Amino acid sequence: MAKVTCDQVWNDYFHSLPLATIRGIDTGAHVKRLVEEDQQLFSGQGDVELWQTDGENTTKSTLDPDNIDTSLDSMIFIGQKTSWSPLQTSTGTFQKLLKAYQVSPVFLEALYAFGWKFNNDEDPHFNLCEEQWGVPATVRVHHQLAIFFEPTNDMGGLHSRIPGLLGRL
């Protein structure tokens, strides 16, 4: 079996979306950027935390990217080791999430903020606690991408599936 390339994975996502969802969006530019930034965006490993509820019962589990249930309200958490680290998941898993929930490509603009490092960790300007008070920071910040999904209904259509982004927590 032939190995699937990164651009094939992203083209598959865009081809899975209804035409109305991608109208006016330069999908080729997104594919190019996602391929170029793949290593900065995704670590290639790590578990995705999945919380789902039917309104009465809530379950927490690890996402199985080959068996995504979109019928329940879902919260998906993808961690990072640090604020500048790639998301702790693979390109394939992330693409399967977007495809399963029919996420608008507009969401990708928020994704591009993850994984890029513009400054040195040791830069005193960004190491405020140690510089201001002479002691290392003891608070550990947990960095993650949080996405919320609602199942569609006859009235809601695809728009009710567009995720809300909490950002880095």
C-alpha atoms as a PDB file:
ATOM      1  CA  MET A   1       0.000   0.000   0.000  1.00  0.00           C
ATOM      2  CA  ALA A   2       1.348   3.440  -0.939  1.00  0.00           C
ATOM      3  CA  LYS A   3       2.149   5.935   1.786  1.00  0.00           C
ATOM      4  CA  VAL A   4      -0.314   8.836   1.999  1.00  0.00           C
ATOM      5  CA  THR A   5       1.378  12.233   1.751  1.00  0.00           C
ATOM      6  CA  CYS A   6       0.574  15.263   3.886  1.00  0.00           C
ATOM      7  CA  ASP A   7      -0.934  17.163   0.958  1.00  0.00           C
ATOM      8  CA  GLN A   8      -3.176  14.177   0.131  1.00  0.00           C
ATOM      9  CA  VAL A   9      -4.446  14.157   3.733  1.00  0.00           C
ATOM     10  CA  TRP A  10      -5.387  17.840   3.572  1.00  0.00           C
ATOM     11  CA  ASN A  11      -6.868  17.624   0.070  1.00  0.00           C
ATOM     12  CA  ASP A  12      -9.046  14.767   1.348  1.00  0.00           C
ATOM     13  CA  TYR A  13     -10.354  17.031   4.139  1.00  0.00           C
ATOM     14  CA  PHE A  14     -11.232  19.860   1.763  1.00  0.00           C
ATOM     15  CA  HIS A  15     -12.899  17.476  -0.714  1.00  0.00           C
ATOM     16  CA  SER A  16     -15.076  16.094   2.107  1.00  0.00           C
ATOM     17  CA  LEU A  17     -16.659  19.500   2.778  1.00  0.00           C
ATOM     18  CA  PRO A  18     -19.823  20.756   1.083  1.00  0.00           C
ATOM     19  CA  LEU A  19     -19.116  23.292  -1.645  1.00  0.00           C
ATOM     20  CA  ALA A  20     -20.975  26.018   0.275  1.00  0.00           C
ATOM     21  CA  THR A  21     -18.480  25.622   3.148  1.00  0.00           C
ATOM     22  CA  ILE A  22     -15.410  26.219   0.985  1.00  0.00           C
ATOM     23  CA  ARG A  23     -16.832  28.776  -1.433  1.00  0.00           C
ATOM     24  CA  GLY A  24     -14.481  31.746  -1.646  1.00  0.00           C
ATOM     25  CA  ILE A  25     -11.700  29.986   0.298  1.00  0.00           C
ATOM     26  CA  ASP A  26      -8.353  29.340  -1.366  1.00  0.00           C
ATOM     27  CA  THR A  27      -8.039  25.683  -0.381  1.00  0.00           C
ATOM     28  CA  GLY A  28      -4.814  25.330  -2.375  1.00  0.00           C
ATOM     29  CA  ALA A  29      -3.157  28.028  -0.272  1.00  0.00           C
ATOM     30  CA  HIS A  30      -4.325  26.272   2.904  1.00  0.00           C
ATOM     31  CA  VAL A  31      -2.970  22.912   1.708  1.00  0.00           C
ATOM     32  CA  LYS A  32       0.375  24.533   0.849  1.00  0.00           C
ATOM     33  CA  ARG A  33       0.608  26.220   4.253  1.00  0.00           C
ATOM     34  CA  LEU A  34      -0.484  23.101   6.182  1.00  0.00           C
ATOM     35  CA  VAL A  35       2.155  21.019   4.393  1.00  0.00           C
ATOM     36  CA  GLU A  36       4.891  23.623   4.948  1.00  0.00           C
ATOM     37  CA  GLU A  37       4.038  24.096   8.640  1.00  0.00           C
ATOM     38  CA  ASP A  38       3.222  20.471   9.467  1.00  0.00           C
ATOM     39  CA  GLN A  39       6.177  19.910  11.818  1.00  0.00           C
ATOM     40  CA  GLN A  40       5.569  23.199  13.647  1.00  0.00           C
ATOM     41  CA  LEU A  41       1.847  22.453  14.071  1.00  0.00           C
ATOM     42  CA  PHE A  42       1.764  18.718  14.905  1.00  0.00           C
ATOM     43  CA  SER A  43       4.151  16.582  16.947  1.00  0.00           C
ATOM     44  CA  GLY A  44       3.016  13.368  15.269  1.00  0.00           C
ATOM     45  CA  GLN A  45       2.183  11.724  18.584  1.00  0.00           C
ATOM     46  CA  GLY A  46       0.123  12.132  21.706  1.00  0.00           C
ATOM     47  CA  ASP A  47      -3.368  11.317  22.855  1.00  0.00           C
ATOM     48  CA  VAL A  48      -6.356  13.548  22.224  1.00  0.00           C
ATOM     49  CA  GLU A  49      -8.675  13.880  25.215  1.00  0.00           C
ATOM     50  CA  LEU A  50     -12.377  13.529  24.396  1.00  0.00           C
ATOM     51  CA  TRP A  51     -15.277  14.500  26.645  1.00  0.00           C
ATOM     52  CA  GLN A  52     -18.793  13.700  25.415  1.00  0.00           C
ATOM     53  CA  THR A  53     -22.249  14.182  26.873  1.00  0.00           C
ATOM     54  CA  ASP A  54     -25.778  13.274  25.923  1.00  0.00           C
ATOM     55  CA  GLY A  55     -27.129  15.893  28.332  1.00  0.00           C
ATOM     56  CA  GLU A  56     -27.317  13.530  31.299  1.00  0.00           C
ATOM     57  CA  ASN A  57     -24.133  11.477  31.266  1.00  0.00           C
ATOM     58  CA  THR A  58     -20.607  12.676  30.534  1.00  0.00           C
ATOM     59  CA  THR A  59     -17.710  10.450  29.571  1.00  0.00           C
ATOM     60  CA  LYS A  60     -14.000  11.161  29.318  1.00  0.00           C
ATOM     61  CA  SER A  61     -11.863   9.038  27.032  1.00  0.00           C
ATOM     62  CA  THR A  62      -9.014   9.047  24.575  1.00  0.00           C
ATOM     63  CA  LEU A  63     -10.119   9.812  21.038  1.00  0.00           C
ATOM     64  CA  ASP A  64     -10.074   6.925  18.585  1.00  0.00           C
ATOM     65  CA  PRO A  65      -9.492   8.769  15.297  1.00  0.00           C
ATOM     66  CA  ASP A  66     -10.846   5.832  13.307  1.00  0.00           C
ATOM     67  CA  ASN A  67     -14.143   5.779  15.238  1.00  0.00           C
ATOM     68  CA  ILE A  68     -15.381   9.341  15.877  1.00  0.00           C
ATOM     69  CA  ASP A  69     -18.943   9.614  17.202  1.00  0.00           C
ATOM     70  CA  THR A  70     -20.386  12.974  16.147  1.00  0.00           C
ATOM     71  CA  SER A  71     -23.845  12.353  17.596  1.00  0.00           C
ATOM     72  CA  LEU A  72     -23.014  13.751  21.059  1.00  0.00           C
ATOM     73  CA  ASP A  73     -21.911  17.166  22.337  1.00  0.00           C
ATOM     74  CA  SER A  74     -18.140  16.924  22.422  1.00  0.00           C
ATOM     75  CA  MET A  75     -15.159  18.743  23.886  1.00  0.00           C
ATOM     76  CA  ILE A  76     -11.802  17.822  22.440  1.00  0.00           C
ATOM     77  CA  PHE A  77      -8.516  18.777  24.099  1.00  0.00           C
ATOM     78  CA  ILE A  78      -5.195  18.589  22.287  1.00  0.00           C
ATOM     79  CA  GLY A  79      -2.230  19.354  24.526  1.00  0.00           C
ATOM     80  CA  GLN A  80       1.133  21.009  23.996  1.00  0.00           C
ATOM     81  CA  LYS A  81       4.330  20.483  25.974  1.00  0.00           C
ATOM     82  CA  THR A  82       4.928  24.244  26.061  1.00  0.00           C
ATOM     83  CA  SER A  83       3.178  27.268  24.617  1.00  0.00           C
ATOM     84  CA  TRP A  84       5.497  27.177  21.603  1.00  0.00           C
ATOM     85  CA  SER A  85       5.393  23.412  21.072  1.00  0.00           C
ATOM     86  CA  PRO A  86       3.464  21.660  18.336  1.00  0.00           C
ATOM     87  CA  LEU A  87       0.068  20.216  19.201  1.00  0.00           C
ATOM     88  CA  GLN A  88       0.426  16.722  20.665  1.00  0.00           C
ATOM     89  CA  THR A  89      -1.307  14.851  17.875  1.00  0.00           C
ATOM     90  CA  SER A  90      -0.673  13.719  14.341  1.00  0.00           C
ATOM     91  CA  THR A  91      -1.680  15.448  11.148  1.00  0.00           C
ATOM     92  CA  GLY A  92      -3.891  12.466  10.295  1.00  0.00           C
ATOM     93  CA  THR A  93      -5.759  12.522  13.601  1.00  0.00           C
ATOM     94  CA  PHE A  94      -6.376  16.258  13.389  1.00  0.00           C
ATOM     95  CA  GLN A  95      -7.576  15.972   9.799  1.00  0.00           C
ATOM     96  CA  LYS A  96      -9.948  13.135  10.760  1.00  0.00           C
ATOM     97  CA  LEU A  97     -11.438  15.352  13.474  1.00  0.00           C
ATOM     98  CA  LEU A  98     -11.992  18.223  11.057  1.00  0.00           C
ATOM     99  CA  LYS A  99     -13.473  15.883   8.477  1.00  0.00           C
ATOM    100  CA  ALA A 100     -15.772  14.035  10.912  1.00  0.00           C
ATOM    101  CA  TYR A 101     -17.213  17.259  12.327  1.00  0.00           C
ATOM    102  CA  GLN A 102     -17.230  19.034   8.939  1.00  0.00           C
ATOM    103  CA  VAL A 103     -15.266  21.948  10.401  1.00  0.00           C
ATOM    104  CA  SER A 104     -15.106  25.082   8.279  1.00  0.00           C
ATOM    105  CA  PRO A 105     -11.647  25.919   6.875  1.00  0.00           C
ATOM    106  CA  VAL A 106     -12.029  29.315   8.579  1.00  0.00           C
ATOM    107  CA  PHE A 107     -11.008  27.491  11.764  1.00  0.00           C
ATOM    108  CA  LEU A 108      -7.550  26.859  10.279  1.00  0.00           C
ATOM    109  CA  GLU A 109      -6.658  30.514  10.813  1.00  0.00           C
ATOM    110  CA  ALA A 110      -6.707  29.851  14.586  1.00  0.00           C
ATOM    111  CA  LEU A 111      -4.698  26.652  14.145  1.00  0.00           C
ATOM    112  CA  TYR A 112      -1.819  28.499  12.479  1.00  0.00           C
ATOM    113  CA  ALA A 113      -1.002  30.270  15.769  1.00  0.00           C
ATOM    114  CA  PHE A 114       0.184  27.024  17.367  1.00  0.00           C
ATOM    115  CA  GLY A 115       3.725  25.715  17.304  1.00  0.00           C
ATOM    116  CA  TRP A 116       5.599  28.840  16.262  1.00  0.00           C
ATOM    117  CA  LYS A 117       8.431  30.154  18.373  1.00  0.00           C
ATOM    118  CA  PHE A 118       9.675  33.636  17.716  1.00  0.00           C
ATOM    119  CA  ASN A 119      11.731  34.243  20.870  1.00  0.00           C
ATOM    120  CA  ASN A 120      14.218  32.424  23.045  1.00  0.00           C
ATOM    121  CA  ASP A 121      12.775  30.778  26.198  1.00  0.00           C
ATOM    122  CA  GLU A 122      15.580  32.352  28.200  1.00  0.00           C
ATOM    123  CA  ASP A 123      14.844  35.860  26.943  1.00  0.00           C
ATOM    124  CA  PRO A 124      14.458  38.018  30.109  1.00  0.00           C
ATOM    125  CA  HIS A 125      11.618  39.968  28.531  1.00  0.00           C
ATOM    126  CA  PHE A 126       9.533  36.776  28.374  1.00  0.00           C
ATOM    127  CA  ASN A 127      10.806  35.304  31.641  1.00  0.00           C
ATOM    128  CA  LEU A 128       9.032  37.946  33.735  1.00  0.00           C
ATOM    129  CA  CYS A 129       8.695  36.154  37.089  1.00  0.00           C
ATOM    130  CA  GLU A 130      12.389  35.396  37.386  1.00  0.00           C
ATOM    131  CA  GLU A 131      13.457  38.825  36.184  1.00  0.00           C
ATOM    132  CA  GLN A 132      11.040  40.848  38.343  1.00  0.00           C
ATOM    133  CA  TRP A 133      11.300  38.952  41.600  1.00  0.00           C
ATOM    134  CA  GLY A 134      14.500  36.912  41.302  1.00  0.00           C
ATOM    135  CA  VAL A 135      12.766  33.564  41.687  1.00  0.00           C
ATOM    136  CA  PRO A 136      11.793  31.052  39.028  1.00  0.00           C
ATOM    137  CA  ALA A 137       8.102  30.799  38.244  1.00  0.00           C
ATOM    138  CA  THR A 138       6.478  27.925  40.121  1.00  0.00           C
ATOM    139  CA  VAL A 139       3.140  27.985  38.328  1.00  0.00           C
ATOM    140  CA  ARG A 140       2.970  25.537  35.469  1.00  0.00           C
ATOM    141  CA  VAL A 141       0.653  26.582  32.685  1.00  0.00           C
ATOM    142  CA  HIS A 142      -1.154  23.835  30.814  1.00  0.00           C
ATOM    143  CA  HIS A 143      -1.253  24.658  27.115  1.00  0.00           C
ATOM    144  CA  GLN A 144      -3.879  23.095  24.894  1.00  0.00           C
ATOM    145  CA  LEU A 145      -6.282  23.612  22.072  1.00  0.00           C
ATOM    146  CA  ALA A 146      -9.877  23.095  23.159  1.00  0.00           C
ATOM    147  CA  ILE A 147     -12.610  22.584  20.584  1.00  0.00           C
ATOM    148  CA  PHE A 148     -16.339  22.272  21.262  1.00  0.00           C
ATOM    149  CA  PHE A 149     -18.745  20.540  18.895  1.00  0.00           C
ATOM    150  CA  GLU A 150     -22.498  20.132  18.876  1.00  0.00           C
ATOM    151  CA  PRO A 151     -24.201  17.432  16.828  1.00  0.00           C
ATOM    152  CA  THR A 152     -26.187  18.717  13.888  1.00  0.00           C
ATOM    153  CA  ASN A 153     -29.939  18.610  13.759  1.00  0.00           C
ATOM    154  CA  ASP A 154     -32.426  19.123  10.958  1.00  0.00           C
ATOM    155  CA  MET A 155     -32.540  22.863  11.620  1.00  0.00           C
ATOM    156  CA  GLY A 156     -28.901  23.509  12.502  1.00  0.00           C
ATOM    157  CA  GLY A 157     -27.069  22.084   9.516  1.00  0.00           C
ATOM    158  CA  LEU A 158     -23.344  22.430   9.243  1.00  0.00           C
ATOM    159  CA  HIS A 159     -23.170  25.821  10.907  1.00  0.00           C
ATOM    160  CA  SER A 160     -23.913  24.314  14.317  1.00  0.00           C
ATOM    161  CA  ARG A 161     -20.813  22.144  13.891  1.00  0.00           C
ATOM    162  CA  ILE A 162     -18.355  24.980  13.481  1.00  0.00           C
ATOM    163  CA  PRO A 163     -16.202  24.806  16.630  1.00  0.00           C
ATOM    164  CA  GLY A 164     -15.654  27.475  19.198  1.00  0.00           C
ATOM    165  CA  LEU A 165     -12.024  27.937  20.040  1.00  0.00           C
ATOM    166  CA  LEU A 166     -10.917  28.530  23.604  1.00  0.00           C
ATOM    167  CA  GLY A 167      -7.298  28.838  22.566  1.00  0.00           C
ATOM    168  CA  ARG A 168      -4.430  28.162  24.867  1.00  0.00           C
ATOM    169  CA  LEU A 169      -5.559  27.384  28.397  1.00  0.00           C
END
